[in-house]
């Protein structure tokens, strides 16, 4: 009680929410953490280890919760014992599990988790119970996302049939239902259209999620830009004074150039720089360039030039026919309205997060730690970008040219997605416009993963080359998609691209003949 009062006083003095961590966090921090929270003022709160009912949302059914944590670095026999104990304490609704002797409970690690440690809990012998998945959060991941909010979202999605059932929460993880007779898609299956049609199944499931899912937890939480801007602030200040190798890799990556490209992306999709898309929905409303020469207006001039590029390159059809021009303008407007819709988005749709059931002939999505409110264009672009990303795990190289879905494949996927949303789009030019408009979102998706990797490099204890991953996603991913986006620039438009590059400052050295800005 005394500690609580001290913490409350410290928080009040700093005018911060009670559980606001000193580290920049997203939304509400996890009240039951594997570590104490260091509050402003130095006060600490240690989690309770008593079994308690954890009300995920006011008025909802409580979810069992304990404050105990799992140390995955323990000896296997001790780790297995802890996992069995946690499951029995949380899963009171599974009587057969409670009756099972520890010797009749199997514990097996699950391969494939990059942020978390995963374990399958299953029965053997005469006592049978449904298998479970125990998810132990990575030590640094709670600094990348709001675990309390994620747990709430997972509970709601499980109840709606869009994810596994949530059985309970412990100090640094949760217990979920095991997705019986389901498997993750192979990378090549993300493009498969026959026997079974995985592209169609994924398009329809995402459409259903966008149409039906709106978790209360997501409504209360920050949107896409709040997450990304927080990551960007951390990445911009990242240093590795005790690691020469990482320090050199970060310098080679040039974080200032990454931030410049992020600002460029903000001009292309809904953001605070364009009234959250309102200005982009008026493509023929030119924005006058500023005449000020002060350094404070440099970005304003750059933004104006970028929008001029956007107007000329992406809004003017190739034909001079008045009727064709009008039809194309309507198609572009319709495409943007569709892609700019705000929905609950998954935002990490790569092969490993799409689980297929042959018996039900459907898919489910898993891993919602990055999920939240956002434009549907982001989710769709994340899926398309996820194809070459998924193949990179096999080829150990990111090959956008080889694995990115073709225009025809994207149009077919989009058609099925729109049907799943109940939107009857008969004009084929709308599909053409959707594919073209999605290119802007592919840029944002890639730069987001670049920034994410830089932050992970500073936080994660995993022996993984996150900075190498960031460099690959930037050079082989972002720049490839940007070349596609700017393809066709010539004459005055290339000149404007050069003007835009110059207005960004010394970090930009040249613009090549295809309009790509080189740092």
Protein backbone atom coordinates (compact mmCIF):
# COMPACT_ATOMS: atom_id res chain seq x y z
CA UNK A 1 0.00 0.00 0.00
CA UNK A 2 2.85 2.34 0.90
CA UNK A 3 4.60 1.56 -2.36
CA UNK A 4 1.36 2.18 -4.24
CA UNK A 5 0.86 5.54 -2.55
CA UNK A 6 4.44 6.54 -3.32
CA UNK A 7 3.99 5.56 -6.96
CA UNK A 8 0.72 7.45 -7.21
CA UNK A 9 2.31 10.55 -5.73
CA UNK A 10 5.24 10.34 -8.12
CA UNK A 11 2.93 9.92 -11.09
CA UNK A 12 0.73 12.80 -9.99
CA UNK A 13 3.72 15.07 -9.55
CA UNK A 14 4.86 14.30 -13.06
CA UNK A 15 1.28 14.57 -14.41
CA UNK A 16 1.57 11.08 -15.86
CA UNK A 17 -0.80 8.10 -15.80
CA UNK A 18 -0.05 5.83 -12.86
CA UNK A 19 1.53 3.09 -14.92
CA UNK A 20 3.46 5.26 -17.35
CA UNK A 21 6.93 3.77 -17.79
CA UNK A 22 10.03 5.89 -18.07
CA UNK A 23 10.67 4.18 -21.42
CA UNK A 24 8.46 5.48 -24.27
CA UNK A 25 5.54 3.06 -24.43
CA UNK A 26 2.46 2.72 -26.58
CA UNK A 27 -0.86 3.39 -24.85
CA UNK A 28 -1.35 1.62 -21.55
CA UNK A 29 1.56 -0.41 -20.24
CA UNK A 30 1.05 -3.98 -19.09
CA UNK A 31 0.00 -3.87 -15.47
CA UNK A 32 1.34 -7.37 -14.85
CA UNK A 33 4.85 -7.47 -16.17
CA UNK A 34 7.85 -9.71 -15.79
CA UNK A 35 9.73 -6.71 -14.46
CA UNK A 36 8.99 -3.92 -12.01
CA UNK A 37 7.94 -0.63 -13.54
CA UNK A 38 10.31 2.25 -12.89
CA UNK A 39 8.08 5.28 -12.67
CA UNK A 40 9.08 8.90 -12.99
CA UNK A 41 10.42 9.82 -9.58
CA UNK A 42 12.01 6.42 -9.00
CA UNK A 43 9.05 4.60 -7.45
CA UNK A 44 8.60 0.93 -8.23
CA UNK A 45 5.57 -1.32 -8.34
CA UNK A 46 6.04 -5.06 -8.23
CA UNK A 47 3.30 -7.28 -9.68
CA UNK A 48 1.17 -9.39 -7.39
CA UNK A 49 1.53 -13.15 -7.68
CA UNK A 50 -1.99 -13.88 -6.42
CA UNK A 51 -4.58 -15.44 -8.71
CA UNK A 52 -7.01 -12.73 -9.72
CA UNK A 53 -9.82 -12.02 -12.14
CA UNK A 54 -8.48 -9.68 -14.80
CA UNK A 55 -11.29 -7.62 -16.29
CA UNK A 56 -10.16 -7.10 -19.88
CA UNK A 57 -12.80 -4.47 -20.55
CA UNK A 58 -15.45 -2.95 -18.35
CA UNK A 59 -18.60 -5.06 -18.57
CA UNK A 60 -16.83 -8.04 -20.17
CA UNK A 61 -16.21 -11.53 -18.87
CA UNK A 62 -13.13 -11.64 -16.68
CA UNK A 63 -10.08 -13.57 -17.84
CA UNK A 64 -8.02 -15.56 -15.28
CA UNK A 65 -4.68 -13.94 -14.62
CA UNK A 66 -1.64 -14.55 -12.42
CA UNK A 67 1.39 -12.36 -11.96
CA UNK A 68 3.93 -15.20 -12.04
CA UNK A 69 6.44 -15.16 -14.90
CA UNK A 70 8.05 -17.90 -16.97
CA UNK A 71 11.81 -18.00 -17.42
CA UNK A 72 12.41 -19.82 -20.71
CA UNK A 73 16.12 -20.01 -19.92
CA UNK A 74 15.62 -22.51 -17.12
CA UNK A 75 16.66 -26.12 -17.46
CA UNK A 76 14.12 -27.99 -19.65
CA UNK A 77 12.75 -30.07 -16.78
CA UNK A 78 12.17 -27.00 -14.59
CA UNK A 79 10.73 -24.99 -17.47
CA UNK A 80 8.30 -27.79 -18.30
CA UNK A 81 7.17 -27.94 -14.68
CA UNK A 82 6.53 -24.17 -14.61
CA UNK A 83 4.55 -24.30 -17.86
CA UNK A 84 2.35 -27.12 -16.60
CA UNK A 85 1.70 -25.27 -13.36
CA UNK A 86 0.75 -22.04 -15.15
CA UNK A 87 -1.69 -23.89 -17.43
CA UNK A 88 -3.40 -25.64 -14.53
CA UNK A 89 -3.77 -22.41 -12.60
CA UNK A 90 -5.22 -20.50 -15.54
CA UNK A 91 -7.27 -23.12 -17.38
CA UNK A 92 -9.85 -23.92 -14.70
CA UNK A 93 -12.44 -24.40 -17.42
CA UNK A 94 -10.63 -27.57 -18.62
CA UNK A 95 -11.31 -30.17 -15.90
CA UNK A 96 -9.42 -32.95 -17.68
CA UNK A 97 -6.27 -30.82 -17.57
CA UNK A 98 -6.70 -30.29 -13.84
CA UNK A 99 -7.06 -34.05 -13.27
CA UNK A 100 -4.03 -34.96 -15.39
CA UNK A 101 -0.82 -35.92 -13.63
CA UNK A 102 2.23 -33.93 -14.68
CA UNK A 103 3.77 -37.11 -16.05
CA UNK A 104 0.86 -37.33 -18.53
CA UNK A 105 1.33 -33.78 -19.84
CA UNK A 106 3.70 -33.18 -22.74
CA UNK A 107 5.54 -29.91 -23.27
CA UNK A 108 7.14 -29.23 -26.65
CA UNK A 109 8.73 -26.04 -28.01
CA UNK A 110 7.18 -24.65 -31.18
CA UNK A 111 9.58 -23.39 -33.82
CA UNK A 112 8.96 -20.25 -35.84
CA UNK A 113 8.36 -17.60 -33.19
CA UNK A 114 10.65 -14.58 -33.67
CA UNK A 115 9.37 -12.26 -30.93
CA UNK A 116 8.07 -14.82 -28.44
CA UNK A 117 8.90 -18.29 -27.12
CA UNK A 118 6.11 -20.76 -27.93
CA UNK A 119 5.26 -24.09 -26.30
CA UNK A 120 2.61 -26.72 -27.06
CA UNK A 121 0.97 -28.35 -24.04
CA UNK A 122 -0.76 -31.65 -24.85
CA UNK A 123 -1.99 -34.82 -23.13
CA UNK A 124 -0.83 -38.41 -23.18
CA UNK A 125 -2.19 -41.48 -21.50
CA UNK A 126 -5.85 -42.01 -20.63
CA UNK A 127 -6.74 -38.46 -19.58
CA UNK A 128 -7.32 -36.30 -22.64
CA UNK A 129 -7.65 -32.51 -22.85
CA UNK A 130 -7.51 -30.09 -25.78
CA UNK A 131 -3.94 -28.98 -26.55
CA UNK A 132 -2.83 -25.49 -25.55
CA UNK A 133 -0.32 -22.93 -26.72
CA UNK A 134 1.73 -21.03 -24.15
CA UNK A 135 3.16 -17.78 -25.48
CA UNK A 136 6.05 -16.30 -23.48
CA UNK A 137 6.67 -12.73 -24.54
CA UNK A 138 10.18 -11.73 -25.57
CA UNK A 139 11.95 -9.60 -23.00
CA UNK A 140 12.10 -6.55 -25.25
CA UNK A 141 8.80 -6.89 -27.09
CA UNK A 142 6.67 -5.07 -24.51
CA UNK A 143 8.64 -1.95 -25.41
CA UNK A 144 7.50 -2.37 -29.02
CA UNK A 145 3.79 -2.88 -28.36
CA UNK A 146 1.15 -2.60 -25.65
CA UNK A 147 0.78 -6.13 -24.29
CA UNK A 148 -2.29 -5.35 -22.20
CA UNK A 149 -4.07 -4.03 -25.25
CA UNK A 150 -2.88 -6.97 -27.35
CA UNK A 151 -4.26 -9.43 -24.79
CA UNK A 152 -7.61 -7.67 -24.85
CA UNK A 153 -7.71 -7.71 -28.64
CA UNK A 154 -6.85 -11.43 -28.72
CA UNK A 155 -9.63 -12.21 -26.29
CA UNK A 156 -12.22 -10.35 -28.35
CA UNK A 157 -11.04 -11.85 -31.66
CA UNK A 158 -11.08 -15.34 -30.16
CA UNK A 159 -14.66 -14.87 -29.02
CA UNK A 160 -15.62 -13.75 -32.52
CA UNK A 161 -13.94 -16.73 -34.19
CA UNK A 162 -11.10 -14.74 -35.76
CA UNK A 163 -8.33 -16.15 -33.62
CA UNK A 164 -7.47 -18.69 -30.90
CA UNK A 165 -9.37 -18.69 -27.62
CA UNK A 166 -7.65 -16.90 -24.76
CA UNK A 167 -7.62 -19.02 -21.59
CA UNK A 168 -5.54 -16.83 -19.31
CA UNK A 169 -2.73 -14.36 -18.80
CA UNK A 170 0.42 -14.60 -16.72
CA UNK A 171 3.15 -12.11 -15.93
CA UNK A 172 5.00 -12.31 -19.23
CA UNK A 173 2.68 -14.18 -21.57
CA UNK A 174 -0.64 -15.89 -22.09
CA UNK A 175 -2.25 -19.30 -22.64
CA UNK A 176 -4.28 -19.82 -25.82
CA UNK A 177 -6.08 -22.66 -27.49
CA UNK A 178 -3.95 -24.70 -29.87
CA UNK A 179 -5.19 -24.36 -33.45
CA UNK A 180 -5.79 -28.06 -33.99
CA UNK A 181 -5.28 -29.40 -37.50
CA UNK A 182 -4.07 -26.05 -38.78
CA UNK A 183 -0.74 -25.18 -40.28
CA UNK A 184 1.00 -22.03 -41.45
CA UNK A 185 1.01 -21.32 -45.17
CA UNK A 186 4.17 -21.99 -47.14
CA UNK A 187 5.46 -18.87 -48.93
CA UNK A 188 4.49 -20.19 -52.38
CA UNK A 189 0.92 -20.79 -51.16
CA UNK A 190 0.37 -17.07 -50.67
CA UNK A 191 0.14 -16.91 -54.49
CA UNK A 192 -1.78 -20.16 -54.98
CA UNK A 193 -5.20 -19.88 -56.63
CA UNK A 194 -6.19 -23.52 -57.21
CA UNK A 195 -6.41 -26.65 -55.05
CA UNK A 196 -7.01 -24.83 -52.65
CA UNK A 197 -7.29 -21.15 -53.48
CA UNK A 198 -5.18 -19.68 -50.69
CA UNK A 199 -5.19 -16.18 -52.18
CA UNK A 200 -8.98 -16.20 -52.26
CA UNK A 201 -9.29 -17.60 -48.75
CA UNK A 202 -6.95 -14.95 -47.36
CA UNK A 203 -8.69 -12.13 -49.24
CA UNK A 204 -12.11 -13.17 -47.94
CA UNK A 205 -10.89 -13.66 -44.36
CA UNK A 206 -9.25 -10.23 -44.31
CA UNK A 207 -12.42 -8.71 -45.79
CA UNK A 208 -14.50 -10.37 -43.06
CA UNK A 209 -12.13 -9.09 -40.38
CA UNK A 210 -12.24 -5.55 -41.75
CA UNK A 211 -16.01 -5.70 -42.03
CA UNK A 212 -16.88 -7.38 -38.72
CA UNK A 213 -14.06 -6.85 -36.22
CA UNK A 214 -13.75 -3.67 -34.24
CA UNK A 215 -12.32 -4.63 -30.84
CA UNK A 216 -13.09 -2.26 -28.00
CA UNK A 217 -9.44 -2.47 -26.99
CA UNK A 218 -8.38 -1.23 -30.43
CA UNK A 219 -10.78 1.69 -30.22
CA UNK A 220 -9.16 2.87 -27.03
CA UNK A 221 -5.60 2.48 -28.28
CA UNK A 222 -3.32 4.50 -30.52
CA UNK A 223 -3.52 4.28 -34.30
CA UNK A 224 -0.87 3.23 -36.80
CA UNK A 225 0.92 6.58 -36.87
CA UNK A 226 1.23 6.79 -33.08
CA UNK A 227 3.05 3.44 -33.09
CA UNK A 228 5.28 4.28 -36.04
CA UNK A 229 6.18 7.77 -34.85
CA UNK A 230 7.15 6.34 -31.46
CA UNK A 231 9.37 3.75 -33.15
CA UNK A 232 10.89 6.46 -35.34
CA UNK A 233 11.78 8.63 -32.34
CA UNK A 234 13.49 5.69 -30.65
CA UNK A 235 15.29 4.67 -33.86
CA UNK A 236 16.52 8.21 -34.50
CA UNK A 237 18.25 8.26 -31.10
CA UNK A 238 19.59 4.70 -31.24
CA UNK A 239 23.32 4.31 -30.59
CA UNK A 240 25.62 1.37 -29.92
CA UNK A 241 28.62 2.83 -28.03
CA UNK A 242 29.75 -0.58 -26.81
CA UNK A 243 29.34 -2.46 -30.07
CA UNK A 244 31.55 -1.36 -32.96
CA UNK A 245 29.92 -3.76 -35.42
CA UNK A 246 26.40 -2.49 -34.75
CA UNK A 247 27.53 1.12 -34.64
CA UNK A 248 29.13 0.75 -38.08
CA UNK A 249 26.05 -1.00 -39.49
CA UNK A 250 23.78 1.76 -38.19
CA UNK A 251 26.04 4.42 -39.69
CA UNK A 252 26.01 2.63 -43.05
CA UNK A 253 22.23 2.43 -42.91
CA UNK A 254 22.05 6.22 -42.39
CA UNK A 255 19.08 6.70 -40.11
CA UNK A 256 18.62 10.31 -41.25
CA UNK A 257 17.90 9.08 -44.77
CA UNK A 258 15.37 6.60 -43.39
CA UNK A 259 13.58 9.41 -41.55
CA UNK A 260 13.59 11.51 -44.74
CA UNK A 261 11.90 8.68 -46.63
CA UNK A 262 9.34 8.28 -43.85
CA UNK A 263 8.39 11.93 -44.24
CA UNK A 264 8.10 11.41 -47.98
CA UNK A 265 5.75 8.46 -47.39
CA UNK A 266 3.59 10.62 -45.15
CA UNK A 267 2.79 12.85 -48.13
CA UNK A 268 1.54 9.90 -50.19
CA UNK A 269 -0.96 8.24 -47.83
CA UNK A 270 -3.37 9.57 -45.19
CA UNK A 271 -1.41 11.28 -42.41
CA UNK A 272 -1.39 14.51 -40.45
CA UNK A 273 0.51 16.12 -43.34
CA UNK A 274 -2.53 15.88 -45.65
CA UNK A 275 -5.43 16.25 -43.21
CA UNK A 276 -5.50 12.46 -42.81
CA UNK A 277 -6.23 11.91 -46.47
CA UNK A 278 -8.73 14.68 -47.13
CA UNK A 279 -6.31 16.53 -49.40
CA UNK A 280 -5.43 13.32 -51.25
CA UNK A 281 -9.11 12.72 -51.99
CA UNK A 282 -9.03 15.97 -53.96
CA UNK A 283 -6.29 15.05 -56.46
CA UNK A 284 -6.85 18.00 -58.76
CA UNK A 285 -6.68 20.57 -56.00
CA UNK A 286 -3.13 21.81 -56.45
CA UNK A 287 -1.29 23.05 -53.40
CA UNK A 288 0.70 26.22 -54.13
CA UNK A 289 4.39 26.16 -53.44
CA UNK A 290 5.66 28.42 -50.70
CA UNK A 291 7.87 31.32 -51.75
CA UNK A 292 9.66 31.56 -48.43
CA UNK A 293 13.34 30.76 -48.50
CA UNK A 294 13.75 30.27 -44.75
CA UNK A 295 15.12 26.97 -43.51
CA UNK A 296 11.94 26.43 -41.46
CA UNK A 297 9.89 26.19 -44.66
CA UNK A 298 12.22 23.73 -46.43
CA UNK A 299 10.00 20.77 -45.63
CA UNK A 300 6.88 22.74 -46.65
CA UNK A 301 8.43 23.35 -50.06
CA UNK A 302 9.44 19.71 -50.32
CA UNK A 303 5.94 18.60 -49.40
CA UNK A 304 4.42 20.91 -51.99
CA UNK A 305 6.77 19.58 -54.68
CA UNK A 306 5.94 16.01 -53.69
CA UNK A 307 2.26 16.71 -54.08
CA UNK A 308 2.86 18.26 -57.50
CA UNK A 309 4.60 15.03 -58.44
CA UNK A 310 1.69 13.07 -57.04
CA UNK A 311 -0.75 15.16 -59.07
CA UNK A 312 1.11 14.86 -62.36
CA UNK A 313 2.27 11.26 -62.12
CA UNK A 314 -0.58 9.49 -60.41
CA UNK A 315 -3.72 11.47 -61.21
CA UNK A 316 -3.41 12.27 -64.91
CA UNK A 317 -4.38 9.37 -67.18
CA UNK A 318 -2.21 8.45 -70.14
CA UNK A 319 -4.98 9.18 -72.63
CA UNK A 320 -6.11 12.64 -73.66
CA UNK A 321 -9.73 11.56 -74.19
CA UNK A 322 -12.12 13.62 -72.05
CA UNK A 323 -14.42 10.66 -71.34
CA UNK A 324 -11.48 8.42 -70.47
CA UNK A 325 -10.07 11.12 -68.24
CA UNK A 326 -13.36 11.45 -66.38
CA UNK A 327 -13.68 7.69 -65.95
CA UNK A 328 -10.12 7.39 -64.68
CA UNK A 329 -10.63 10.26 -62.24
CA UNK A 330 -13.70 8.52 -60.82
CA UNK A 331 -11.77 5.25 -60.58
CA UNK A 332 -8.91 6.93 -58.74
CA UNK A 333 -11.31 8.61 -56.35
CA UNK A 334 -13.13 5.34 -55.66
CA UNK A 335 -9.85 3.48 -55.14
CA UNK A 336 -8.59 6.01 -52.62
CA UNK A 337 -11.86 6.05 -50.71
CA UNK A 338 -11.70 2.26 -50.44
CA UNK A 339 -8.05 2.13 -49.39
CA UNK A 340 -8.30 5.04 -46.95
CA UNK A 341 -11.10 3.44 -44.92
CA UNK A 342 -10.15 3.10 -41.26
CA UNK A 343 -10.58 -0.44 -39.93
CA UNK A 344 -9.01 -2.78 -37.41
CA UNK A 345 -5.92 -4.06 -39.24
CA UNK A 346 -3.57 -7.00 -38.65
CA UNK A 347 -0.49 -5.30 -40.16
CA UNK A 348 1.75 -8.39 -40.26
CA UNK A 349 0.24 -10.72 -42.84
CA UNK A 350 3.14 -12.91 -43.89
CA UNK A 351 2.93 -16.66 -44.49
CA UNK A 352 3.76 -17.70 -40.92
CA UNK A 353 0.80 -15.74 -39.52
CA UNK A 354 -1.83 -17.32 -41.80
CA UNK A 355 -3.07 -20.68 -40.49
CA UNK A 356 -4.90 -23.04 -42.86
CA UNK A 357 -7.38 -25.81 -42.02
CA UNK A 358 -7.93 -28.44 -44.68
CA UNK A 359 -11.00 -29.77 -42.86
CA UNK A 360 -12.70 -26.36 -42.75
CA UNK A 361 -11.08 -25.03 -45.94
CA UNK A 362 -10.44 -21.66 -44.35
CA UNK A 363 -7.67 -19.61 -42.79
CA UNK A 364 -7.19 -17.82 -39.47
CA UNK A 365 -4.73 -15.08 -38.64
CA UNK A 366 -2.41 -15.18 -35.62
CA UNK A 367 0.10 -12.81 -34.01
CA UNK A 368 -1.79 -9.57 -33.40
CA UNK A 369 0.94 -7.73 -31.52
CA UNK A 370 1.19 -5.09 -34.27
CA UNK A 371 -2.56 -4.92 -34.93
CA UNK A 372 -4.63 -1.79 -34.50
CA UNK A 373 -6.61 0.91 -36.30
CA UNK A 374 -5.33 1.84 -39.75
CA UNK A 375 -6.14 2.24 -43.43
CA UNK A 376 -7.22 -0.98 -45.13
CA UNK A 377 -4.66 -0.13 -47.82
CA UNK A 378 -1.95 -0.78 -45.24
CA UNK A 379 -3.24 -4.27 -44.49
CA UNK A 380 -3.59 -5.17 -48.16
CA UNK A 381 -0.12 -3.83 -48.99
CA UNK A 382 1.29 -5.72 -46.00
CA UNK A 383 -0.07 -8.96 -47.47
CA UNK A 384 1.36 -8.25 -50.93
CA UNK A 385 4.72 -7.20 -49.46
CA UNK A 386 4.56 -10.25 -47.23
CA UNK A 387 4.95 -12.59 -50.20
CA UNK A 388 8.60 -11.70 -51.04
CA UNK A 389 9.24 -11.28 -47.31
CA UNK A 390 8.07 -14.86 -46.67
CA UNK A 391 10.20 -16.20 -49.53
CA UNK A 392 13.22 -14.40 -48.10
CA UNK A 393 13.20 -16.84 -45.17
CA UNK A 394 13.81 -19.64 -47.68
CA UNK A 395 16.11 -17.89 -50.15
CA UNK A 396 17.96 -15.78 -47.57
CA UNK A 397 17.46 -12.86 -49.95
CA UNK A 398 14.65 -10.38 -50.55
CA UNK A 399 13.62 -10.57 -54.21
CA UNK A 400 10.73 -8.22 -54.91
CA UNK A 401 11.09 -8.54 -58.68
CA UNK A 402 10.65 -12.30 -58.55
CA UNK A 403 8.04 -12.80 -55.84
CA UNK A 404 5.88 -9.67 -55.64
CA UNK A 405 2.34 -10.54 -56.83
CA UNK A 406 1.78 -9.54 -60.44
CA UNK A 407 -0.80 -6.94 -61.44
CA UNK A 408 -3.17 -9.72 -62.50
CA UNK A 409 -2.71 -11.57 -59.19
CA UNK A 410 -3.30 -8.39 -57.22
CA UNK A 411 -6.43 -7.57 -59.20
CA UNK A 412 -7.85 -11.05 -58.63
CA UNK A 413 -7.11 -10.83 -54.90
CA UNK A 414 -8.67 -7.37 -54.71
CA UNK A 415 -11.77 -8.53 -56.54
CA UNK A 416 -12.34 -11.30 -54.00
CA UNK A 417 -11.60 -8.93 -51.12
CA UNK A 418 -14.17 -6.43 -52.39
CA UNK A 419 -16.75 -9.20 -52.82
CA UNK A 420 -16.08 -10.21 -49.23
CA UNK A 421 -16.75 -6.63 -48.14
CA UNK A 422 -20.02 -6.63 -50.10
CA UNK A 423 -18.75 -3.99 -52.51
CA UNK A 424 -19.88 -4.49 -56.10
CA UNK A 425 -17.16 -2.96 -58.28
CA UNK A 426 -18.04 -3.48 -61.93
CA UNK A 427 -15.66 -0.95 -63.46
CA UNK A 428 -12.37 -2.70 -64.24
CA UNK A 429 -10.58 0.64 -64.13
CA UNK A 430 -11.19 0.71 -60.37
CA UNK A 431 -9.08 -2.44 -60.00
CA UNK A 432 -6.36 -0.80 -62.10
CA UNK A 433 -6.52 2.26 -59.87
CA UNK A 434 -6.41 0.16 -56.70
CA UNK A 435 -3.23 -1.60 -57.81
CA UNK A 436 -1.64 1.73 -58.65
CA UNK A 437 -2.69 3.44 -55.42
CA UNK A 438 -1.45 0.51 -53.36
CA UNK A 439 2.11 1.29 -54.45
CA UNK A 440 2.15 4.26 -52.08
CA UNK A 441 1.18 1.95 -49.20
CA UNK A 442 3.86 -0.58 -50.13
CA UNK A 443 6.47 2.15 -49.56
CA UNK A 444 5.11 2.86 -46.10
CA UNK A 445 4.96 -0.84 -45.22
CA UNK A 446 8.62 -1.31 -46.13
CA UNK A 447 9.94 1.79 -44.36
CA UNK A 448 7.96 0.72 -41.29
CA UNK A 449 9.76 -2.63 -41.15
CA UNK A 450 13.11 -0.87 -41.63
CA UNK A 451 12.44 1.35 -38.60
CA UNK A 452 11.07 -1.61 -36.61
CA UNK A 453 14.28 -3.55 -37.22
CA UNK A 454 16.47 -0.66 -36.07
CA UNK A 455 14.55 -0.47 -32.80
CA UNK A 456 14.71 -4.26 -32.38
CA UNK A 457 18.47 -4.13 -32.87
CA UNK A 458 18.72 -1.96 -29.79
CA UNK A 459 16.21 -3.81 -27.61
CA UNK A 460 16.37 -7.48 -28.49
CA UNK A 461 18.66 -9.97 -26.78
CA UNK A 462 18.29 -12.41 -29.69
CA UNK A 463 21.36 -13.26 -31.71
CA UNK A 464 19.93 -11.92 -34.94
CA UNK A 465 21.26 -9.31 -37.36
CA UNK A 466 18.37 -6.86 -37.20
CA UNK A 467 20.43 -4.04 -38.72
CA UNK A 468 21.31 -6.29 -41.65
CA UNK A 469 17.61 -7.02 -42.01
CA UNK A 470 16.87 -3.28 -41.96
CA UNK A 471 19.49 -2.62 -44.63
CA UNK A 472 18.02 -5.36 -46.84
CA UNK A 473 14.44 -4.15 -46.44
CA UNK A 474 15.55 -0.64 -47.35
CA UNK A 475 17.82 -1.38 -50.31
CA UNK A 476 16.06 -4.42 -51.77
CA UNK A 477 12.54 -3.68 -50.60
CA UNK A 478 11.79 0.00 -50.15
CA UNK A 479 13.96 1.26 -53.00
CA UNK A 480 12.60 -1.39 -55.38
CA UNK A 481 9.01 -0.43 -54.58
CA UNK A 482 9.88 3.23 -54.82
CA UNK A 483 11.34 2.72 -58.28
CA UNK A 484 8.04 1.14 -59.30
CA UNK A 485 6.12 3.99 -57.75
CA UNK A 486 8.11 6.66 -59.58
CA UNK A 487 8.40 4.67 -62.80
CA UNK A 488 7.66 6.73 -65.87
CA UNK A 489 8.94 10.04 -64.56
CA UNK A 490 10.45 12.06 -67.37
CA UNK A 491 11.00 15.63 -68.46
CA UNK A 492 9.47 18.19 -66.15
CA UNK A 493 8.37 15.52 -63.69
CA UNK A 494 11.91 14.23 -63.29
CA UNK A 495 12.99 17.82 -62.78
CA UNK A 496 10.45 18.16 -60.00
CA UNK A 497 11.71 14.95 -58.45
CA UNK A 498 15.19 16.49 -58.43
CA UNK A 499 13.75 19.65 -56.90
CA UNK A 500 12.09 17.58 -54.20
CA UNK A 501 15.38 15.81 -53.49
CA UNK A 502 17.23 19.11 -53.23
CA UNK A 503 14.66 20.53 -50.83
CA UNK A 504 15.26 17.64 -48.44
CA UNK A 505 18.82 18.72 -47.82
CA UNK A 506 22.31 17.31 -47.94
CA UNK A 507 21.26 13.74 -47.14
CA UNK A 508 20.07 13.40 -50.74
CA UNK A 509 22.86 13.21 -53.30
CA UNK A 510 21.11 12.53 -56.60
CA UNK A 511 18.00 11.35 -58.38
CA UNK A 512 18.56 8.63 -60.94
CA UNK A 513 16.95 8.39 -64.36
CA UNK A 514 13.98 6.49 -62.91
CA UNK A 515 13.22 9.03 -60.22
CA UNK A 516 14.67 7.12 -57.26
CA UNK A 517 16.21 9.30 -54.59
CA UNK A 518 19.66 8.08 -53.60
CA UNK A 519 21.11 8.95 -50.21
